[in-house]
C-alpha cells in the first residue's frame, strides 16, 4: 500500500470515503417508446405528404354530388345534341334515297319493301285505344302512416317494377308501347339509377308513365296475372307507392333511337 502526505492525499481519501458511503445510482436505460417516437413522426409526415399530393389543392372530403349532377346534365345535353345530329343525317339519307329511287328500279323496290315494314318495326307513330299505367314513389313526410321499419328503398319505384309492368303489357298483346313518351321495342333496355329511369341514354324522374296500345281488357288481365306487378301492388298497399291504370285513346310516338344492329342471327 502506498502512503502519501499533504492536502492532496487527504482530499483523495475523503472522496473515496464519500463514494463508498453513498449508494450508487442504477444505470438508466432508454425506454422503448422513446425510440418509436421518431418512427411515428416519420410515418405521420409521409401520410400528410401523400394526402396533399392526392388532393392536389382540392378538399378530399368535399361533397361530390353537385359535380355528379353537373356531369349527368352535361352528358344529357351531349346525348340530345347527338340525337339531333343523327336525325338530320337520317333525313339526308331518306332524301337521297328517295331521289335515287325515282330513277333506279331496284332501289325503289327495296325502299317500298322497307316502308311496308316500318309500322311493324316501330318506326311510325300509332294512335288507338290502350292503357296508361303510372308508377310513382311514396309521398314524403313523417305523417304518412308508414311501417316503422320502412327504408328508403321501400318508398321508391325500382327497375324490376317498371320491367314487370312492361313485360306484362307485352304478354297481354300490346301492339305498341312507350315509356315517358319514348317509343320502346321488345329489345329496349330499362335501367334505374337510384330513383330515376335511364332509357335510351336519357334520364327520367318519377312518376313513370307507360302507355300501351291494345285491348284494354287483355292488358288489364295480363297485369293482374303478373307476379312482379302483384309484388309491387303489395308495396302500394304497405308503403303507399303510386299506381294507376287509365283506359283511353292514346298515341305512341315513332321509334327514334339508333337502328344499328350489334348482333343478328339468320333464321333457319
C-alpha atoms as a PDB file:
ATOM      1  CA  UNK A   1       0.000   0.000   0.000  1.00  0.00           C
ATOM      2  CA  UNK A   2       1.279   3.438  -0.907  1.00  0.00           C
ATOM      3  CA  UNK A   3       1.197   6.236   1.714  1.00  0.00           C
ATOM      4  CA  UNK A   4       1.183   9.905   0.744  1.00  0.00           C
ATOM      5  CA  UNK A   5       1.146  13.063   2.719  1.00  0.00           C
ATOM      6  CA  UNK A   6      -0.211  16.526   2.240  1.00  0.00           C
ATOM      7  CA  UNK A   7      -3.562  18.134   1.439  1.00  0.00           C
ATOM      8  CA  UNK A   8      -3.948  16.279  -1.849  1.00  0.00           C
ATOM      9  CA  UNK A   9      -3.842  12.901  -0.120  1.00  0.00           C
ATOM     10  CA  UNK A  10      -6.452  13.927   2.422  1.00  0.00           C
ATOM     11  CA  UNK A  11      -8.829  15.176  -0.345  1.00  0.00           C
ATOM     12  CA  UNK A  12      -8.393  11.953  -2.272  1.00  0.00           C
ATOM     13  CA  UNK A  13      -9.119   9.860   0.828  1.00  0.00           C
ATOM     14  CA  UNK A  14     -12.205  11.927   1.605  1.00  0.00           C
ATOM     15  CA  UNK A  15     -13.640  11.468  -1.929  1.00  0.00           C
ATOM     16  CA  UNK A  16     -13.127   7.691  -1.685  1.00  0.00           C
ATOM     17  CA  UNK A  17     -14.912   7.543   1.659  1.00  0.00           C
ATOM     18  CA  UNK A  18     -17.864   9.514   0.387  1.00  0.00           C
ATOM     19  CA  UNK A  19     -18.083   7.300  -2.692  1.00  0.00           C
ATOM     20  CA  UNK A  20     -18.195   4.187  -0.526  1.00  0.00           C
ATOM     21  CA  UNK A  21     -20.858   5.562   1.823  1.00  0.00           C
ATOM     22  CA  UNK A  22     -23.251   6.917  -0.855  1.00  0.00           C
ATOM     23  CA  UNK A  23     -25.375   4.347  -2.783  1.00  0.00           C
ATOM     24  CA  UNK A  24     -24.653   4.023  -6.481  1.00  0.00           C
ATOM     25  CA  UNK A  25     -27.371   5.088  -8.938  1.00  0.00           C
ATOM     26  CA  UNK A  26     -28.530   2.348 -11.283  1.00  0.00           C
ATOM     27  CA  UNK A  27     -27.741   2.936 -14.940  1.00  0.00           C
ATOM     28  CA  UNK A  28     -30.858   4.233 -16.677  1.00  0.00           C
ATOM     29  CA  UNK A  29     -31.991   2.616 -19.892  1.00  0.00           C
ATOM     30  CA  UNK A  30     -33.825   4.457 -22.603  1.00  0.00           C
ATOM     31  CA  UNK A  31     -37.419   3.227 -22.756  1.00  0.00           C
ATOM     32  CA  UNK A  32     -38.636   1.578 -25.970  1.00  0.00           C
ATOM     33  CA  UNK A  33     -41.284   4.200 -26.747  1.00  0.00           C
ATOM     34  CA  UNK A  34     -38.644   6.901 -26.952  1.00  0.00           C
ATOM     35  CA  UNK A  35     -37.175   5.083 -29.938  1.00  0.00           C
ATOM     36  CA  UNK A  36     -40.631   4.740 -31.561  1.00  0.00           C
ATOM     37  CA  UNK A  37     -41.418   8.448 -31.473  1.00  0.00           C
ATOM     38  CA  UNK A  38     -39.212   9.290 -34.484  1.00  0.00           C
ATOM     39  CA  UNK A  39     -40.735   6.419 -36.449  1.00  0.00           C
ATOM     40  CA  UNK A  40     -44.282   7.602 -35.700  1.00  0.00           C
ATOM     41  CA  UNK A  41     -43.384  11.157 -36.662  1.00  0.00           C
ATOM     42  CA  UNK A  42     -41.865   9.944 -39.934  1.00  0.00           C
ATOM     43  CA  UNK A  43     -44.977   7.877 -40.757  1.00  0.00           C
ATOM     44  CA  UNK A  44     -47.261  10.839 -39.979  1.00  0.00           C
ATOM     45  CA  UNK A  45     -45.202  13.069 -42.242  1.00  0.00           C
ATOM     46  CA  UNK A  46     -45.425  10.509 -45.050  1.00  0.00           C
ATOM     47  CA  UNK A  47     -49.209  10.305 -44.602  1.00  0.00           C
ATOM     48  CA  UNK A  48     -49.620  14.082 -44.715  1.00  0.00           C
ATOM     49  CA  UNK A  49     -47.458  14.289 -47.823  1.00  0.00           C
ATOM     50  CA  UNK A  50     -49.472  11.545 -49.577  1.00  0.00           C
ATOM     51  CA  UNK A  51     -52.782  13.251 -48.703  1.00  0.00           C
ATOM     52  CA  UNK A  52     -51.548  16.593 -50.006  1.00  0.00           C
ATOM     53  CA  UNK A  53     -50.357  15.010 -53.259  1.00  0.00           C
ATOM     54  CA  UNK A  54     -53.662  13.142 -53.752  1.00  0.00           C
ATOM     55  CA  UNK A  55     -55.795  16.193 -53.002  1.00  0.00           C
ATOM     56  CA  UNK A  56     -53.836  18.326 -55.480  1.00  0.00           C
ATOM     57  CA  UNK A  57     -55.237  21.513 -54.000  1.00  0.00           C
ATOM     58  CA  UNK A  58     -58.797  20.207 -53.511  1.00  0.00           C
ATOM     59  CA  UNK A  59     -60.740  19.044 -50.462  1.00  0.00           C
ATOM     60  CA  UNK A  60     -60.706  15.243 -50.190  1.00  0.00           C
ATOM     61  CA  UNK A  61     -63.928  15.155 -48.145  1.00  0.00           C
ATOM     62  CA  UNK A  62     -65.791  17.617 -50.317  1.00  0.00           C
ATOM     63  CA  UNK A  63     -69.295  16.541 -51.290  1.00  0.00           C
ATOM     64  CA  UNK A  64     -69.077  15.392 -54.922  1.00  0.00           C
ATOM     65  CA  UNK A  65     -72.849  15.159 -55.509  1.00  0.00           C
ATOM     66  CA  UNK A  66     -73.104  18.592 -57.188  1.00  0.00           C
ATOM     67  CA  UNK A  67     -70.278  17.549 -59.515  1.00  0.00           C
ATOM     68  CA  UNK A  68     -72.064  14.277 -60.315  1.00  0.00           C
ATOM     69  CA  UNK A  69     -75.303  16.150 -61.033  1.00  0.00           C
ATOM     70  CA  UNK A  70     -73.464  18.505 -63.377  1.00  0.00           C
ATOM     71  CA  UNK A  71     -71.773  15.551 -65.089  1.00  0.00           C
ATOM     72  CA  UNK A  72     -75.142  13.884 -65.713  1.00  0.00           C
ATOM     73  CA  UNK A  73     -76.566  17.132 -67.070  1.00  0.00           C
ATOM     74  CA  UNK A  74     -73.587  17.592 -69.395  1.00  0.00           C
ATOM     75  CA  UNK A  75     -73.943  14.036 -70.687  1.00  0.00           C
ATOM     76  CA  UNK A  76     -77.682  14.553 -71.215  1.00  0.00           C
ATOM     77  CA  UNK A  77     -77.013  17.621 -73.343  1.00  0.00           C
ATOM     78  CA  UNK A  78     -74.423  15.690 -75.340  1.00  0.00           C
ATOM     79  CA  UNK A  79     -76.928  12.890 -75.958  1.00  0.00           C
ATOM     80  CA  UNK A  80     -79.563  15.391 -77.113  1.00  0.00           C
ATOM     81  CA  UNK A  81     -77.089  17.059 -79.477  1.00  0.00           C
ATOM     82  CA  UNK A  82     -76.060  13.662 -80.880  1.00  0.00           C
ATOM     83  CA  UNK A  83     -79.700  12.677 -81.389  1.00  0.00           C
ATOM     84  CA  UNK A  84     -80.421  15.891 -83.270  1.00  0.00           C
ATOM     85  CA  UNK A  85     -77.404  15.335 -85.477  1.00  0.00           C
ATOM     86  CA  UNK A  86     -78.455  11.722 -86.112  1.00  0.00           C
ATOM     87  CA  UNK A  87     -81.967  12.877 -87.036  1.00  0.00           C
ATOM     88  CA  UNK A  88     -80.549  15.337 -89.580  1.00  0.00           C
ATOM     89  CA  UNK A  89     -78.322  12.647 -91.081  1.00  0.00           C
ATOM     90  CA  UNK A  90     -81.231  10.196 -91.314  1.00  0.00           C
ATOM     91  CA  UNK A  91     -83.287  12.850 -93.093  1.00  0.00           C
ATOM     92  CA  UNK A  92     -80.462  13.418 -95.564  1.00  0.00           C
ATOM     93  CA  UNK A  93     -80.217   9.684 -96.238  1.00  0.00           C
ATOM     94  CA  UNK A  94     -84.001   9.441 -96.744  1.00  0.00           C
ATOM     95  CA  UNK A  95     -83.991  12.362 -99.168  1.00  0.00           C
ATOM     96  CA  UNK A  96     -81.040  10.947-101.117  1.00  0.00           C
ATOM     97  CA  UNK A  97     -82.684   7.510-101.259  1.00  0.00           C
ATOM     98  CA  UNK A  98     -85.979   8.975-102.452  1.00  0.00           C
ATOM     99  CA  UNK A  99     -84.226  10.967-105.170  1.00  0.00           C
ATOM    100  CA  UNK A 100     -82.299   7.930-106.348  1.00  0.00           C
ATOM    101  CA  UNK A 101     -85.395   5.695-106.236  1.00  0.00           C
ATOM    102  CA  UNK A 102     -87.092   7.863-108.851  1.00  0.00           C
ATOM    103  CA  UNK A 103     -84.596   6.699-111.482  1.00  0.00           C
ATOM    104  CA  UNK A 104     -83.458   3.308-110.131  1.00  0.00           C
ATOM    105  CA  UNK A 105     -85.977   0.461-110.154  1.00  0.00           C
ATOM    106  CA  UNK A 106     -84.215  -1.977-107.745  1.00  0.00           C
ATOM    107  CA  UNK A 107     -83.664   0.771-105.182  1.00  0.00           C
ATOM    108  CA  UNK A 108     -87.316   1.817-105.448  1.00  0.00           C
ATOM    109  CA  UNK A 109     -88.382  -1.795-104.917  1.00  0.00           C
ATOM    110  CA  UNK A 110     -86.261  -2.187-101.765  1.00  0.00           C
ATOM    111  CA  UNK A 111     -87.401   1.184-100.461  1.00  0.00           C
ATOM    112  CA  UNK A 112     -91.070   0.216-100.838  1.00  0.00           C
ATOM    113  CA  UNK A 113     -90.347  -3.100 -99.132  1.00  0.00           C
ATOM    114  CA  UNK A 114     -88.729  -1.333 -96.164  1.00  0.00           C
ATOM    115  CA  UNK A 115     -91.593   1.167 -95.975  1.00  0.00           C
ATOM    116  CA  UNK A 116     -94.096  -1.683 -95.679  1.00  0.00           C
ATOM    117  CA  UNK A 117     -92.269  -2.943 -92.565  1.00  0.00           C
ATOM    118  CA  UNK A 118     -91.824   0.414 -90.827  1.00  0.00           C
ATOM    119  CA  UNK A 119     -95.030   0.170 -88.805  1.00  0.00           C
ATOM    120  CA  UNK A 120     -94.313  -3.351 -87.586  1.00  0.00           C
ATOM    121  CA  UNK A 121     -90.753  -2.307 -86.698  1.00  0.00           C
ATOM    122  CA  UNK A 122     -91.968   0.672 -84.661  1.00  0.00           C
ATOM    123  CA  UNK A 123     -90.754   3.488 -86.944  1.00  0.00           C
ATOM    124  CA  UNK A 124     -94.177   5.117 -87.338  1.00  0.00           C
ATOM    125  CA  UNK A 125     -96.416   6.714 -84.713  1.00  0.00           C
ATOM    126  CA  UNK A 126     -99.617   4.859 -83.811  1.00  0.00           C
ATOM    127  CA  UNK A 127    -102.902   6.004 -82.274  1.00  0.00           C
ATOM    128  CA  UNK A 128    -105.561   3.756 -80.785  1.00  0.00           C
ATOM    129  CA  UNK A 129    -107.345   2.557 -77.689  1.00  0.00           C
ATOM    130  CA  UNK A 130    -104.980   1.474 -74.987  1.00  0.00           C
ATOM    131  CA  UNK A 131    -103.942   1.525 -71.364  1.00  0.00           C
ATOM    132  CA  UNK A 132    -101.788   4.005 -69.454  1.00  0.00           C
ATOM    133  CA  UNK A 133    -100.025   2.813 -66.289  1.00  0.00           C
ATOM    134  CA  UNK A 134     -98.369   5.277 -63.897  1.00  0.00           C
ATOM    135  CA  UNK A 135     -95.880   4.242 -61.190  1.00  0.00           C
ATOM    136  CA  UNK A 136     -94.786   6.741 -58.554  1.00  0.00           C
ATOM    137  CA  UNK A 137     -92.705   6.932 -55.378  1.00  0.00           C
ATOM    138  CA  UNK A 138     -94.365   7.118 -51.988  1.00  0.00           C
ATOM    139  CA  UNK A 139     -95.180  10.657 -50.785  1.00  0.00           C
ATOM    140  CA  UNK A 140     -92.634  12.193 -48.438  1.00  0.00           C
ATOM    141  CA  UNK A 141     -93.245  13.456 -44.943  1.00  0.00           C
ATOM    142  CA  UNK A 142     -93.349  11.959 -41.441  1.00  0.00           C
ATOM    143  CA  UNK A 143     -97.159  11.647 -41.234  1.00  0.00           C
ATOM    144  CA  UNK A 144     -97.773   9.090 -43.966  1.00  0.00           C
ATOM    145  CA  UNK A 145     -98.638   6.125 -41.742  1.00  0.00           C
ATOM    146  CA  UNK A 146     -95.684   4.064 -42.950  1.00  0.00           C
ATOM    147  CA  UNK A 147     -94.380   0.983 -41.113  1.00  0.00           C
ATOM    148  CA  UNK A 148     -91.726   1.731 -38.507  1.00  0.00           C
ATOM    149  CA  UNK A 149     -89.173  -0.453 -40.307  1.00  0.00           C
ATOM    150  CA  UNK A 150     -89.718   1.161 -43.736  1.00  0.00           C
ATOM    151  CA  UNK A 151     -86.472   2.066 -45.500  1.00  0.00           C
ATOM    152  CA  UNK A 152     -85.801   4.450 -48.367  1.00  0.00           C
ATOM    153  CA  UNK A 153     -85.661   1.501 -50.789  1.00  0.00           C
ATOM    154  CA  UNK A 154     -89.224   0.600 -49.825  1.00  0.00           C
ATOM    155  CA  UNK A 155     -90.518   4.041 -50.810  1.00  0.00           C
ATOM    156  CA  UNK A 156     -89.285   4.290 -54.431  1.00  0.00           C
ATOM    157  CA  UNK A 157     -90.079   2.590 -57.724  1.00  0.00           C
ATOM    158  CA  UNK A 158     -87.359   0.169 -58.780  1.00  0.00           C
ATOM    159  CA  UNK A 159     -86.181  -1.188 -62.106  1.00  0.00           C
ATOM    160  CA  UNK A 160     -87.888  -4.535 -61.599  1.00  0.00           C
ATOM    161  CA  UNK A 161     -91.218  -2.765 -61.013  1.00  0.00           C
ATOM    162  CA  UNK A 162     -91.094  -0.979 -64.366  1.00  0.00           C
ATOM    163  CA  UNK A 163     -89.876  -4.143 -66.104  1.00  0.00           C
ATOM    164  CA  UNK A 164     -92.718  -6.161 -64.587  1.00  0.00           C
ATOM    165  CA  UNK A 165     -95.336  -3.766 -65.999  1.00  0.00           C
ATOM    166  CA  UNK A 166     -93.654  -3.602 -69.429  1.00  0.00           C
ATOM    167  CA  UNK A 167     -93.330  -7.401 -69.692  1.00  0.00           C
ATOM    168  CA  UNK A 168     -96.939  -7.904 -68.603  1.00  0.00           C
ATOM    169  CA  UNK A 169     -98.204  -5.444 -71.241  1.00  0.00           C
ATOM    170  CA  UNK A 170     -96.228  -7.194 -73.971  1.00  0.00           C
ATOM    171  CA  UNK A 171     -97.611 -10.529 -72.750  1.00  0.00           C
ATOM    172  CA  UNK A 172    -101.112  -9.015 -72.858  1.00  0.00           C
ATOM    173  CA  UNK A 173    -100.818  -8.343 -76.585  1.00  0.00           C
ATOM    174  CA  UNK A 174     -99.645  -4.728 -76.699  1.00  0.00           C
ATOM    175  CA  UNK A 175     -99.242  -3.581 -80.302  1.00  0.00           C
ATOM    176  CA  UNK A 176     -97.041  -0.595 -79.444  1.00  0.00           C
ATOM    177  CA  UNK A 177     -95.645   0.869 -76.249  1.00  0.00           C
ATOM    178  CA  UNK A 178     -93.908   3.962 -74.927  1.00  0.00           C
ATOM    179  CA  UNK A 179     -92.267   4.876 -71.627  1.00  0.00           C
ATOM    180  CA  UNK A 180     -92.179   8.563 -70.719  1.00  0.00           C
ATOM    181  CA  UNK A 181     -93.374   9.283 -74.295  1.00  0.00           C
ATOM    182  CA  UNK A 182     -90.383   7.396 -75.759  1.00  0.00           C
ATOM    183  CA  UNK A 183     -91.157   4.501 -78.101  1.00  0.00           C
ATOM    184  CA  UNK A 184     -89.789   1.204 -76.857  1.00  0.00           C
ATOM    185  CA  UNK A 185     -89.390  -2.103 -78.637  1.00  0.00           C
ATOM    186  CA  UNK A 186     -89.099  -5.632 -77.337  1.00  0.00           C
ATOM    187  CA  UNK A 187     -85.315  -5.149 -77.340  1.00  0.00           C
ATOM    188  CA  UNK A 188     -85.328  -1.855 -75.393  1.00  0.00           C
ATOM    189  CA  UNK A 189     -83.493  -1.984 -72.061  1.00  0.00           C
ATOM    190  CA  UNK A 190     -84.910  -0.323 -68.954  1.00  0.00           C
ATOM    191  CA  UNK A 191     -82.403   0.670 -66.270  1.00  0.00           C
ATOM    192  CA  UNK A 192     -82.833   2.521 -62.985  1.00  0.00           C
ATOM    193  CA  UNK A 193     -80.187   4.714 -61.331  1.00  0.00           C
ATOM    194  CA  UNK A 194     -81.381   5.420 -57.793  1.00  0.00           C
ATOM    195  CA  UNK A 195     -85.000   6.503 -58.208  1.00  0.00           C
ATOM    196  CA  UNK A 196     -84.502   7.728 -61.794  1.00  0.00           C
ATOM    197  CA  UNK A 197     -85.114   5.839 -65.012  1.00  0.00           C
ATOM    198  CA  UNK A 198     -82.429   5.501 -67.695  1.00  0.00           C
ATOM    199  CA  UNK A 199     -83.870   4.835 -71.141  1.00  0.00           C
ATOM    200  CA  UNK A 200     -82.018   5.219 -74.465  1.00  0.00           C
ATOM    201  CA  UNK A 201     -79.380   7.388 -72.832  1.00  0.00           C
ATOM    202  CA  UNK A 202     -81.849   9.779 -71.202  1.00  0.00           C
ATOM    203  CA  UNK A 203     -82.737  10.124 -67.524  1.00  0.00           C
ATOM    204  CA  UNK A 204     -86.331  10.442 -66.276  1.00  0.00           C
ATOM    205  CA  UNK A 205     -87.759  11.077 -62.819  1.00  0.00           C
ATOM    206  CA  UNK A 206     -90.974   9.609 -61.381  1.00  0.00           C
ATOM    207  CA  UNK A 207     -93.852   9.324 -61.892  1.00  0.00           C
ATOM    208  CA  UNK A 208     -93.116   6.842 -64.677  1.00  0.00           C
ATOM    209  CA  UNK A 209     -95.816   6.707 -67.373  1.00  0.00           C
ATOM    210  CA  UNK A 210     -96.131   3.593 -69.544  1.00  0.00           C
ATOM    211  CA  UNK A 211     -98.546   3.693 -72.490  1.00  0.00           C
ATOM    212  CA  UNK A 212     -99.599   0.609 -74.466  1.00  0.00           C
ATOM    213  CA  UNK A 213    -101.943   0.289 -77.449  1.00  0.00           C
ATOM    214  CA  UNK A 214    -104.061  -2.844 -77.390  1.00  0.00           C
ATOM    215  CA  UNK A 215    -107.183  -4.454 -75.975  1.00  0.00           C
ATOM    216  CA  UNK A 216    -107.603  -2.791 -72.550  1.00  0.00           C
ATOM    217  CA  UNK A 217    -109.298  -5.850 -71.038  1.00  0.00           C
ATOM    218  CA  UNK A 218    -106.480  -8.158 -72.135  1.00  0.00           C
ATOM    219  CA  UNK A 219    -103.839  -5.713 -70.920  1.00  0.00           C
ATOM    220  CA  UNK A 220    -105.527  -5.372 -67.515  1.00  0.00           C
ATOM    221  CA  UNK A 221    -105.800  -9.152 -67.214  1.00  0.00           C
ATOM    222  CA  UNK A 222    -102.092  -9.570 -68.004  1.00  0.00           C
ATOM    223  CA  UNK A 223    -101.159  -7.023 -65.327  1.00  0.00           C
ATOM    224  CA  UNK A 224    -103.329  -8.793 -62.756  1.00  0.00           C
ATOM    225  CA  UNK A 225    -101.735 -12.151 -63.637  1.00  0.00           C
ATOM    226  CA  UNK A 226     -98.151 -10.860 -63.382  1.00  0.00           C
ATOM    227  CA  UNK A 227     -96.356 -11.923 -60.204  1.00  0.00           C
ATOM    228  CA  UNK A 228     -93.984  -8.970 -60.385  1.00  0.00           C
ATOM    229  CA  UNK A 229     -96.845  -6.483 -60.699  1.00  0.00           C
ATOM    230  CA  UNK A 230     -98.614  -8.068 -57.735  1.00  0.00           C
ATOM    231  CA  UNK A 231     -95.478  -7.717 -55.629  1.00  0.00           C
ATOM    232  CA  UNK A 232     -95.490  -4.023 -56.484  1.00  0.00           C
ATOM    233  CA  UNK A 233     -99.171  -3.821 -55.564  1.00  0.00           C
ATOM    234  CA  UNK A 234     -98.280  -5.217 -52.137  1.00  0.00           C
ATOM    235  CA  UNK A 235     -95.819  -2.342 -51.730  1.00  0.00           C
ATOM    236  CA  UNK A 236     -98.526   0.066 -52.878  1.00  0.00           C
ATOM    237  CA  UNK A 237    -100.691  -1.137 -50.007  1.00  0.00           C
ATOM    238  CA  UNK A 238     -97.922  -1.289 -47.399  1.00  0.00           C
ATOM    239  CA  UNK A 239     -95.787   1.741 -48.327  1.00  0.00           C
ATOM    240  CA  UNK A 240     -98.266   3.956 -50.226  1.00  0.00           C
ATOM    241  CA  UNK A 241     -96.478   3.813 -53.569  1.00  0.00           C
ATOM    242  CA  UNK A 242     -98.400   5.237 -56.515  1.00  0.00           C
ATOM    243  CA  UNK A 243    -100.135   3.030 -59.098  1.00  0.00           C
ATOM    244  CA  UNK A 244    -102.875   3.974 -61.559  1.00  0.00           C
ATOM    245  CA  UNK A 245    -104.390   2.418 -64.687  1.00  0.00           C
ATOM    246  CA  UNK A 246    -106.302   4.551 -67.213  1.00  0.00           C
ATOM    247  CA  UNK A 247    -108.123   3.416 -70.359  1.00  0.00           C
ATOM    248  CA  UNK A 248    -108.251   5.997 -73.158  1.00  0.00           C
ATOM    249  CA  UNK A 249    -107.295   6.746 -76.740  1.00  0.00           C
ATOM    250  CA  UNK A 250    -103.522   7.129 -76.734  1.00  0.00           C
ATOM    251  CA  UNK A 251    -100.734   7.952 -79.181  1.00  0.00           C
ATOM    252  CA  UNK A 252     -97.384   6.169 -79.194  1.00  0.00           C
ATOM    253  CA  UNK A 253     -94.587   8.053 -80.994  1.00  0.00           C
ATOM    254  CA  UNK A 254     -92.275   6.530 -83.570  1.00  0.00           C
ATOM    255  CA  UNK A 255     -89.022   4.891 -82.533  1.00  0.00           C
ATOM    256  CA  UNK A 256     -86.207   7.437 -82.931  1.00  0.00           C
ATOM    257  CA  UNK A 257     -83.207   5.713 -81.382  1.00  0.00           C
ATOM    258  CA  UNK A 258     -80.337   4.050 -83.209  1.00  0.00           C
ATOM    259  CA  UNK A 259     -81.270   1.215 -85.539  1.00  0.00           C
ATOM    260  CA  UNK A 260     -77.758  -0.206 -85.818  1.00  0.00           C
ATOM    261  CA  UNK A 261     -77.592  -3.958 -85.212  1.00  0.00           C
ATOM    262  CA  UNK A 262     -74.927  -5.234 -82.820  1.00  0.00           C
ATOM    263  CA  UNK A 263     -75.741  -8.878 -83.465  1.00  0.00           C
ATOM    264  CA  UNK A 264     -78.095 -10.869 -85.682  1.00  0.00           C
ATOM    265  CA  UNK A 265     -78.991 -14.462 -86.427  1.00  0.00           C
ATOM    266  CA  UNK A 266     -80.183 -15.793 -89.763  1.00  0.00           C
ATOM    267  CA  UNK A 267     -83.448 -17.779 -89.258  1.00  0.00           C
ATOM    268  CA  UNK A 268     -83.449 -21.378 -90.441  1.00  0.00           C
END
